[in-house]
Amino acid sequence: MKLDILAFGAHPDDVELACSGTLAKHHKMGHKTGVADLTDGELGTRGSPELRRKEALNAAQEMGLDVRHFLGFRDGFFQNDEAHRIKVIEVLRHFQPDIVITNAPSDRHPDHGRGCNLVSDSCFLSGLRKIETSFKNHKQQPWRPKLVLHYIQDRYFKPDIVVDISKFFEVRMNAILAYKSQFHDPESAEPKTYISSPEFIDSLKSRPAEFGRLIGVDYAEGFLFSRITGINDLKSLI
């Protein structure tokens, strides 16, 4: 299946926390959307890799994704090296997304910045015909996304663009809360973590509200451009 938008996350829930409203909105607009998780988040303090995958699939339903793909890299230890790039290139060439959204350039968790560099480098290399790959025993053709964006995670960045998700904020929250093992649950016996407090859930409203104020709407999600992008018509910015 060819996708219009493919979002990568170093861990399941990265995408939900940063751009689930945008994905849900573009699904509603008729675009094909998907998520590729680099790892299963197996080093997370709470839950298990098996439960995390189940939660990821539940979140995919909330967002209306056409595809959720798991690469199975080692949480905390994957590298931006040839072997990992080849695996990402295989995914890019298989789904042929026009737009890729990936992790922030740097963040509280080191996997996020490393995931950003891995996916960004792979997007370029995926367009080189002398790199040969196959997916499920089928030889692949080169493919390079037309646009690579970076969502904003725990660390604040001034966004280059923001997307109005006011009508999809509830979908965004439902997708995030599909990860019941990770976030606040007063009945959970799991250890407390940075993201399991009720205050963290409350904070998930403040960033979208802040970005929304920049463009005069209730809620928005912010993104960074990986390069200068030209437009044909200034009125398209209105």
C-alpha atoms as a PDB file:
ATOM      1  CA  MET A   1       0.000   0.000   0.000  1.00  0.00           C
ATOM      2  CA  LYS A   2       1.350   3.403  -0.980  1.00  0.00           C
ATOM      3  CA  LEU A   3       1.041   5.944   1.830  1.00  0.00           C
ATOM      4  CA  ASP A   4       0.679   9.687   1.683  1.00  0.00           C
ATOM      5  CA  ILE A   5       2.148  10.160   5.170  1.00  0.00           C
ATOM      6  CA  LEU A   6       4.343   7.808   7.206  1.00  0.00           C
ATOM      7  CA  ALA A   7       5.306   8.813  10.750  1.00  0.00           C
ATOM      8  CA  PHE A   8       8.245   7.140  12.475  1.00  0.00           C
ATOM      9  CA  GLY A   9       8.672   6.879  16.235  1.00  0.00           C
ATOM     10  CA  ALA A  10      11.622   5.608  18.227  1.00  0.00           C
ATOM     11  CA  HIS A  11       9.076   4.064  20.616  1.00  0.00           C
ATOM     12  CA  PRO A  12       5.383   3.239  20.497  1.00  0.00           C
ATOM     13  CA  ASP A  13       3.587   6.348  21.847  1.00  0.00           C
ATOM     14  CA  ASP A  14       6.130   8.863  20.441  1.00  0.00           C
ATOM     15  CA  VAL A  15       3.891   9.568  17.467  1.00  0.00           C
ATOM     16  CA  GLU A  16       0.724   9.662  19.561  1.00  0.00           C
ATOM     17  CA  LEU A  17       2.201  12.211  21.963  1.00  0.00           C
ATOM     18  CA  ALA A  18       3.430  14.504  19.190  1.00  0.00           C
ATOM     19  CA  CYS A  19       1.363  14.250  15.999  1.00  0.00           C
ATOM     20  CA  SER A  20      -1.619  11.912  16.414  1.00  0.00           C
ATOM     21  CA  GLY A  21      -4.052  14.762  15.813  1.00  0.00           C
ATOM     22  CA  THR A  22      -2.357  15.595  12.524  1.00  0.00           C
ATOM     23  CA  LEU A  23      -2.468  11.984  11.361  1.00  0.00           C
ATOM     24  CA  ALA A  24      -6.134  11.646  12.330  1.00  0.00           C
ATOM     25  CA  LYS A  25      -6.969  14.883  10.510  1.00  0.00           C
ATOM     26  CA  HIS A  26      -5.261  13.786   7.308  1.00  0.00           C
ATOM     27  CA  HIS A  27      -6.948  10.385   7.487  1.00  0.00           C
ATOM     28  CA  LYS A  28     -10.286  12.193   7.639  1.00  0.00           C
ATOM     29  CA  MET A  29      -9.222  14.221   4.597  1.00  0.00           C
ATOM     30  CA  GLY A  30      -8.823  10.970   2.656  1.00  0.00           C
ATOM     31  CA  HIS A  31      -5.054  10.531   2.847  1.00  0.00           C
ATOM     32  CA  LYS A  32      -3.386   7.173   3.476  1.00  0.00           C
ATOM     33  CA  THR A  33      -1.493   7.305   6.755  1.00  0.00           C
ATOM     34  CA  GLY A  34       0.778   4.967   8.677  1.00  0.00           C
ATOM     35  CA  VAL A  35       3.184   4.671  11.589  1.00  0.00           C
ATOM     36  CA  ALA A  36       6.458   2.755  11.793  1.00  0.00           C
ATOM     37  CA  ASP A  37       7.802   2.097  15.292  1.00  0.00           C
ATOM     38  CA  LEU A  38      11.566   1.602  15.397  1.00  0.00           C
ATOM     39  CA  THR A  39      11.482  -0.298  18.714  1.00  0.00           C
ATOM     40  CA  ASP A  40       8.890  -1.964  20.943  1.00  0.00           C
ATOM     41  CA  GLY A  41       9.837   0.251  23.875  1.00  0.00           C
ATOM     42  CA  GLU A  42      10.964  -2.822  25.783  1.00  0.00           C
ATOM     43  CA  LEU A  43      13.134  -0.834  28.199  1.00  0.00           C
ATOM     44  CA  GLY A  44      10.142   1.091  29.476  1.00  0.00           C
ATOM     45  CA  THR A  45       9.676   0.776  33.237  1.00  0.00           C
ATOM     46  CA  ARG A  46       5.996  -0.130  32.975  1.00  0.00           C
ATOM     47  CA  GLY A  47       4.261  -2.828  30.964  1.00  0.00           C
ATOM     48  CA  SER A  48       5.835  -5.277  28.518  1.00  0.00           C
ATOM     49  CA  PRO A  49       6.775  -5.258  24.817  1.00  0.00           C
ATOM     50  CA  GLU A  50       3.794  -7.497  24.029  1.00  0.00           C
ATOM     51  CA  LEU A  51       1.383  -5.192  25.828  1.00  0.00           C
ATOM     52  CA  ARG A  52       2.977  -2.124  24.227  1.00  0.00           C
ATOM     53  CA  ARG A  53       2.345  -3.560  20.736  1.00  0.00           C
ATOM     54  CA  LYS A  54      -1.261  -4.297  21.635  1.00  0.00           C
ATOM     55  CA  GLU A  55      -1.689  -0.749  22.891  1.00  0.00           C
ATOM     56  CA  ALA A  56      -0.039   0.595  19.718  1.00  0.00           C
ATOM     57  CA  LEU A  57      -2.565  -1.249  17.573  1.00  0.00           C
ATOM     58  CA  ASN A  58      -5.411   0.142  19.677  1.00  0.00           C
ATOM     59  CA  ALA A  59      -3.990   3.631  19.210  1.00  0.00           C
ATOM     60  CA  ALA A  60      -3.746   3.005  15.458  1.00  0.00           C
ATOM     61  CA  GLN A  61      -7.478   2.344  15.374  1.00  0.00           C
ATOM     62  CA  GLU A  62      -8.161   5.593  17.200  1.00  0.00           C
ATOM     63  CA  MET A  63      -6.118   7.520  14.605  1.00  0.00           C
ATOM     64  CA  GLY A  64      -7.594   5.645  11.649  1.00  0.00           C
ATOM     65  CA  LEU A  65      -4.196   4.485  10.404  1.00  0.00           C
ATOM     66  CA  ASP A  66      -3.970   2.353   7.282  1.00  0.00           C
ATOM     67  CA  VAL A  67      -0.690   0.768   8.439  1.00  0.00           C
ATOM     68  CA  ARG A  68       1.205   0.179  11.686  1.00  0.00           C
ATOM     69  CA  HIS A  69       4.604  -1.408  11.103  1.00  0.00           C
ATOM     70  CA  PHE A  70       7.044  -2.614  13.776  1.00  0.00           C
ATOM     71  CA  LEU A  71      10.746  -2.743  12.908  1.00  0.00           C
ATOM     72  CA  GLY A  72      11.792  -4.420  16.155  1.00  0.00           C
ATOM     73  CA  PHE A  73      15.070  -2.546  16.732  1.00  0.00           C
ATOM     74  CA  ARG A  74      16.633  -2.721  20.219  1.00  0.00           C
ATOM     75  CA  ASP A  75      15.246  -0.056  22.500  1.00  0.00           C
ATOM     76  CA  GLY A  76      18.081   2.142  23.755  1.00  0.00           C
ATOM     77  CA  PHE A  77      20.710   0.471  21.599  1.00  0.00           C
ATOM     78  CA  PHE A  78      19.754   0.842  17.932  1.00  0.00           C
ATOM     79  CA  GLN A  79      22.288   2.784  15.886  1.00  0.00           C
ATOM     80  CA  ASN A  80      22.371   5.012  12.842  1.00  0.00           C
ATOM     81  CA  ASP A  81      24.496   2.499  10.945  1.00  0.00           C
ATOM     82  CA  GLU A  82      24.286   0.642   7.644  1.00  0.00           C
ATOM     83  CA  ALA A  83      22.274  -2.326   8.935  1.00  0.00           C
ATOM     84  CA  HIS A  84      19.602  -0.151  10.537  1.00  0.00           C
ATOM     85  CA  ARG A  85      19.481   2.253   7.583  1.00  0.00           C
ATOM     86  CA  ILE A  86      18.860  -0.627   5.179  1.00  0.00           C
ATOM     87  CA  LYS A  87      15.872  -1.774   7.259  1.00  0.00           C
ATOM     88  CA  VAL A  88      14.397   1.728   7.263  1.00  0.00           C
ATOM     89  CA  ILE A  89      15.033   2.077   3.522  1.00  0.00           C
ATOM     90  CA  GLU A  90      13.134  -1.166   2.948  1.00  0.00           C
ATOM     91  CA  VAL A  91      10.137   0.285   4.774  1.00  0.00           C
ATOM     92  CA  LEU A  92      10.337   3.586   2.869  1.00  0.00           C
ATOM     93  CA  ARG A  93      10.520   1.857  -0.494  1.00  0.00           C
ATOM     94  CA  HIS A  94       7.698  -0.500   0.394  1.00  0.00           C
ATOM     95  CA  PHE A  95       5.196   2.149   1.522  1.00  0.00           C
ATOM     96  CA  GLN A  96       6.509   4.975  -0.716  1.00  0.00           C
ATOM     97  CA  PRO A  97       5.298   7.865   1.472  1.00  0.00           C
ATOM     98  CA  ASP A  98       5.252  11.347  -0.007  1.00  0.00           C
ATOM     99  CA  ILE A  99       5.686  12.836   3.473  1.00  0.00           C
ATOM    100  CA  VAL A 100       7.700  11.418   6.370  1.00  0.00           C
ATOM    101  CA  ILE A 101       7.334  12.705   9.919  1.00  0.00           C
ATOM    102  CA  THR A 102       9.921  11.624  12.451  1.00  0.00           C
ATOM    103  CA  ASN A 103      11.359  12.312  15.893  1.00  0.00           C
ATOM    104  CA  ALA A 104      12.706  15.624  17.141  1.00  0.00           C
ATOM    105  CA  PRO A 105      16.385  16.412  16.386  1.00  0.00           C
ATOM    106  CA  SER A 106      17.203  16.187  20.109  1.00  0.00           C
ATOM    107  CA  ASP A 107      15.183  15.415  23.192  1.00  0.00           C
ATOM    108  CA  ARG A 108      15.137  14.144  26.769  1.00  0.00           C
ATOM    109  CA  HIS A 109      15.404  10.524  25.575  1.00  0.00           C
ATOM    110  CA  PRO A 110      18.564   9.886  23.491  1.00  0.00           C
ATOM    111  CA  ASP A 111      16.674   7.464  21.226  1.00  0.00           C
ATOM    112  CA  HIS A 112      14.629  10.358  19.885  1.00  0.00           C
ATOM    113  CA  GLY A 113      17.530  12.310  18.404  1.00  0.00           C
ATOM    114  CA  ARG A 114      19.179   9.123  17.172  1.00  0.00           C
ATOM    115  CA  GLY A 115      15.899   8.003  15.579  1.00  0.00           C
ATOM    116  CA  CYS A 116      15.600  11.399  13.895  1.00  0.00           C
ATOM    117  CA  ASN A 117      19.043  11.083  12.318  1.00  0.00           C
ATOM    118  CA  LEU A 118      18.506   7.451  11.315  1.00  0.00           C
ATOM    119  CA  VAL A 119      15.227   8.159   9.529  1.00  0.00           C
ATOM    120  CA  SER A 120      16.425  11.432   7.963  1.00  0.00           C
ATOM    121  CA  ASP A 121      19.563   9.815   6.544  1.00  0.00           C
ATOM    122  CA  SER A 122      17.571   6.819   5.311  1.00  0.00           C
ATOM    123  CA  CYS A 123      15.093   9.079   3.502  1.00  0.00           C
ATOM    124  CA  PHE A 124      17.930  10.459   1.403  1.00  0.00           C
ATOM    125  CA  LEU A 125      19.660   7.129   0.830  1.00  0.00           C
ATOM    126  CA  SER A 126      16.372   5.492  -0.155  1.00  0.00           C
ATOM    127  CA  GLY A 127      16.459   7.526  -3.369  1.00  0.00           C
ATOM    128  CA  LEU A 128      19.822   6.123  -4.512  1.00  0.00           C
ATOM    129  CA  ARG A 129      19.340   3.390  -7.114  1.00  0.00           C
ATOM    130  CA  LYS A 130      22.714   1.743  -6.413  1.00  0.00           C
ATOM    131  CA  ILE A 131      21.505   0.762  -2.938  1.00  0.00           C
ATOM    132  CA  GLU A 132      19.724  -2.516  -3.569  1.00  0.00           C
ATOM    133  CA  THR A 133      17.016  -3.749  -1.206  1.00  0.00           C
ATOM    134  CA  SER A 134      14.170  -6.229  -1.171  1.00  0.00           C
ATOM    135  CA  PHE A 135      11.029  -6.570   0.917  1.00  0.00           C
ATOM    136  CA  LYS A 136       9.395  -9.975   1.334  1.00  0.00           C
ATOM    137  CA  ASN A 137      11.634 -11.310  -1.471  1.00  0.00           C
ATOM    138  CA  HIS A 138      10.593  -8.578  -3.924  1.00  0.00           C
ATOM    139  CA  LYS A 139      13.295  -6.326  -5.362  1.00  0.00           C
ATOM    140  CA  GLN A 140      12.582  -2.692  -4.577  1.00  0.00           C
ATOM    141  CA  GLN A 141      12.857   0.481  -6.603  1.00  0.00           C
ATOM    142  CA  PRO A 142      14.395   3.716  -5.255  1.00  0.00           C
ATOM    143  CA  TRP A 143      12.029   6.061  -3.435  1.00  0.00           C
ATOM    144  CA  ARG A 144      12.691   9.373  -1.761  1.00  0.00           C
ATOM    145  CA  PRO A 145       9.971  11.219   0.213  1.00  0.00           C
ATOM    146  CA  LYS A 146       9.197  14.711  -1.041  1.00  0.00           C
ATOM    147  CA  LEU A 147       9.106  16.187   2.469  1.00  0.00           C
ATOM    148  CA  VAL A 148      10.575  15.258   5.869  1.00  0.00           C
ATOM    149  CA  LEU A 149       9.170  16.901   8.994  1.00  0.00           C
ATOM    150  CA  HIS A 150      10.085  16.544  12.668  1.00  0.00           C
ATOM    151  CA  TYR A 151       7.495  16.598  15.401  1.00  0.00           C
ATOM    152  CA  ILE A 152       8.175  18.328  18.720  1.00  0.00           C
ATOM    153  CA  GLN A 153       8.411  16.109  21.795  1.00  0.00           C
ATOM    154  CA  ASP A 154       9.378  16.753  25.423  1.00  0.00           C
ATOM    155  CA  ARG A 155      11.977  19.457  24.703  1.00  0.00           C
ATOM    156  CA  TYR A 156      10.548  22.698  23.354  1.00  0.00           C
ATOM    157  CA  PHE A 157      11.363  23.903  19.838  1.00  0.00           C
ATOM    158  CA  LYS A 158       9.853  26.898  18.111  1.00  0.00           C
ATOM    159  CA  PRO A 159       7.788  25.268  15.332  1.00  0.00           C
ATOM    160  CA  ASP A 160       8.280  26.123  11.680  1.00  0.00           C
ATOM    161  CA  ILE A 161       4.652  25.226  10.975  1.00  0.00           C
ATOM    162  CA  VAL A 162       1.642  24.312  13.094  1.00  0.00           C
ATOM    163  CA  VAL A 163      -1.378  22.239  12.098  1.00  0.00           C
ATOM    164  CA  ASP A 164      -4.830  23.021  13.474  1.00  0.00           C
ATOM    165  CA  ILE A 165      -6.096  19.872  15.224  1.00  0.00           C
ATOM    166  CA  SER A 166      -8.922  21.462  17.210  1.00  0.00           C
ATOM    167  CA  LYS A 167     -11.529  19.058  15.827  1.00  0.00           C
ATOM    168  CA  PHE A 168      -9.212  16.098  16.442  1.00  0.00           C
ATOM    169  CA  PHE A 169      -7.979  16.878  19.941  1.00  0.00           C
ATOM    170  CA  GLU A 170     -10.255  14.258  21.496  1.00  0.00           C
ATOM    171  CA  VAL A 171      -8.957  11.672  19.012  1.00  0.00           C
ATOM    172  CA  ARG A 172      -5.411  12.661  19.963  1.00  0.00           C
ATOM    173  CA  MET A 173      -6.115  12.144  23.666  1.00  0.00           C
ATOM    174  CA  ASN A 174      -7.834   8.803  23.045  1.00  0.00           C
ATOM    175  CA  ALA A 175      -4.818   7.619  21.023  1.00  0.00           C
ATOM    176  CA  ILE A 176      -2.444   8.629  23.821  1.00  0.00           C
ATOM    177  CA  LEU A 177      -4.566   7.030  26.530  1.00  0.00           C
ATOM    178  CA  ALA A 178      -4.652   3.772  24.557  1.00  0.00           C
ATOM    179  CA  TYR A 179      -1.268   3.218  26.257  1.00  0.00           C
ATOM    180  CA  LYS A 180      -2.897   2.360  29.571  1.00  0.00           C
ATOM    181  CA  SER A 181       0.266   0.723  30.910  1.00  0.00           C
ATOM    182  CA  GLN A 182       2.314   3.885  30.433  1.00  0.00           C
ATOM    183  CA  PHE A 183       0.170   6.699  31.762  1.00  0.00           C
ATOM    184  CA  HIS A 184      -1.648   7.493  34.980  1.00  0.00           C
ATOM    185  CA  ASP A 185      -3.815   4.700  36.348  1.00  0.00           C
ATOM    186  CA  PRO A 186      -4.654   4.983  40.076  1.00  0.00           C
ATOM    187  CA  GLU A 187      -5.234   1.223  40.228  1.00  0.00           C
ATOM    188  CA  SER A 188      -1.851   0.309  38.731  1.00  0.00           C
ATOM    189  CA  ALA A 189       0.761  -1.364  40.927  1.00  0.00           C
ATOM    190  CA  GLU A 190       3.540  -0.504  38.460  1.00  0.00           C
ATOM    191  CA  PRO A 191       6.396   1.852  39.523  1.00  0.00           C
ATOM    192  CA  LYS A 192       5.805   5.561  39.081  1.00  0.00           C
ATOM    193  CA  THR A 193       7.566   7.189  36.140  1.00  0.00           C
ATOM    194  CA  TYR A 194       8.023  10.617  34.562  1.00  0.00           C
ATOM    195  CA  ILE A 195       4.968  10.101  32.334  1.00  0.00           C
ATOM    196  CA  SER A 196       2.708   8.167  34.716  1.00  0.00           C
ATOM    197  CA  SER A 197       1.728  11.097  36.938  1.00  0.00           C
ATOM    198  CA  PRO A 198      -1.654  12.811  36.580  1.00  0.00           C
ATOM    199  CA  GLU A 199       0.246  16.079  36.091  1.00  0.00           C
ATOM    200  CA  PHE A 200       1.818  14.719  32.919  1.00  0.00           C
ATOM    201  CA  ILE A 201      -1.622  13.983  31.443  1.00  0.00           C
ATOM    202  CA  ASP A 202      -2.685  17.536  32.286  1.00  0.00           C
ATOM    203  CA  SER A 203       0.431  18.864  30.526  1.00  0.00           C
ATOM    204  CA  LEU A 204      -0.603  17.163  27.282  1.00  0.00           C
ATOM    205  CA  LYS A 205      -3.201  19.885  26.825  1.00  0.00           C
ATOM    206  CA  SER A 206      -0.886  22.843  27.371  1.00  0.00           C
ATOM    207  CA  ARG A 207       1.509  22.358  24.422  1.00  0.00           C
ATOM    208  CA  PRO A 208      -1.244  21.947  21.776  1.00  0.00           C
ATOM    209  CA  ALA A 209      -3.088  24.897  23.327  1.00  0.00           C
ATOM    210  CA  GLU A 210       0.092  27.009  23.168  1.00  0.00           C
ATOM    211  CA  PHE A 211       0.671  26.131  19.504  1.00  0.00           C
ATOM    212  CA  GLY A 212      -3.009  26.746  18.808  1.00  0.00           C
ATOM    213  CA  ARG A 213      -2.767  30.286  20.174  1.00  0.00           C
ATOM    214  CA  LEU A 214      -0.062  31.030  17.596  1.00  0.00           C
ATOM    215  CA  ILE A 215      -2.629  30.674  14.809  1.00  0.00           C
ATOM    216  CA  GLY A 216      -5.805  31.610  16.660  1.00  0.00           C
ATOM    217  CA  VAL A 217      -7.290  28.128  17.155  1.00  0.00           C
ATOM    218  CA  ASP A 218      -7.932  25.949  20.188  1.00  0.00           C
ATOM    219  CA  TYR A 219      -5.318  23.250  19.594  1.00  0.00           C
ATOM    220  CA  ALA A 220      -2.475  22.646  17.153  1.00  0.00           C
ATOM    221  CA  GLU A 221       0.595  20.435  16.698  1.00  0.00           C
ATOM    222  CA  GLY A 222       3.967  21.876  15.729  1.00  0.00           C
ATOM    223  CA  PHE A 223       6.604  20.639  13.293  1.00  0.00           C
ATOM    224  CA  LEU A 224      10.118  21.483  12.174  1.00  0.00           C
ATOM    225  CA  PHE A 225      11.181  21.516   8.536  1.00  0.00           C
ATOM    226  CA  SER A 226      14.311  19.569   7.682  1.00  0.00           C
ATOM    227  CA  ARG A 227      15.073  21.958   4.817  1.00  0.00           C
ATOM    228  CA  ILE A 228      13.940  25.257   3.330  1.00  0.00           C
ATOM    229  CA  THR A 229      10.724  24.620   1.446  1.00  0.00           C
ATOM    230  CA  GLY A 230       9.471  26.800  -1.403  1.00  0.00           C
ATOM    231  CA  ILE A 231       5.901  27.585  -2.364  1.00  0.00           C
ATOM    232  CA  ASN A 232       4.341  28.678  -5.647  1.00  0.00           C
ATOM    233  CA  ASP A 233       1.633  30.941  -4.293  1.00  0.00           C
ATOM    234  CA  LEU A 234       1.885  33.273  -1.282  1.00  0.00           C
ATOM    235  CA  LYS A 235      -1.897  33.134  -0.923  1.00  0.00           C
ATOM    236  CA  SER A 236      -1.616  29.481   0.024  1.00  0.00           C
ATOM    237  CA  LEU A 237      -0.221  30.752   3.335  1.00  0.00           C
ATOM    238  CA  ILE A 238      -3.406  32.671   4.139  1.00  0.00           C
END
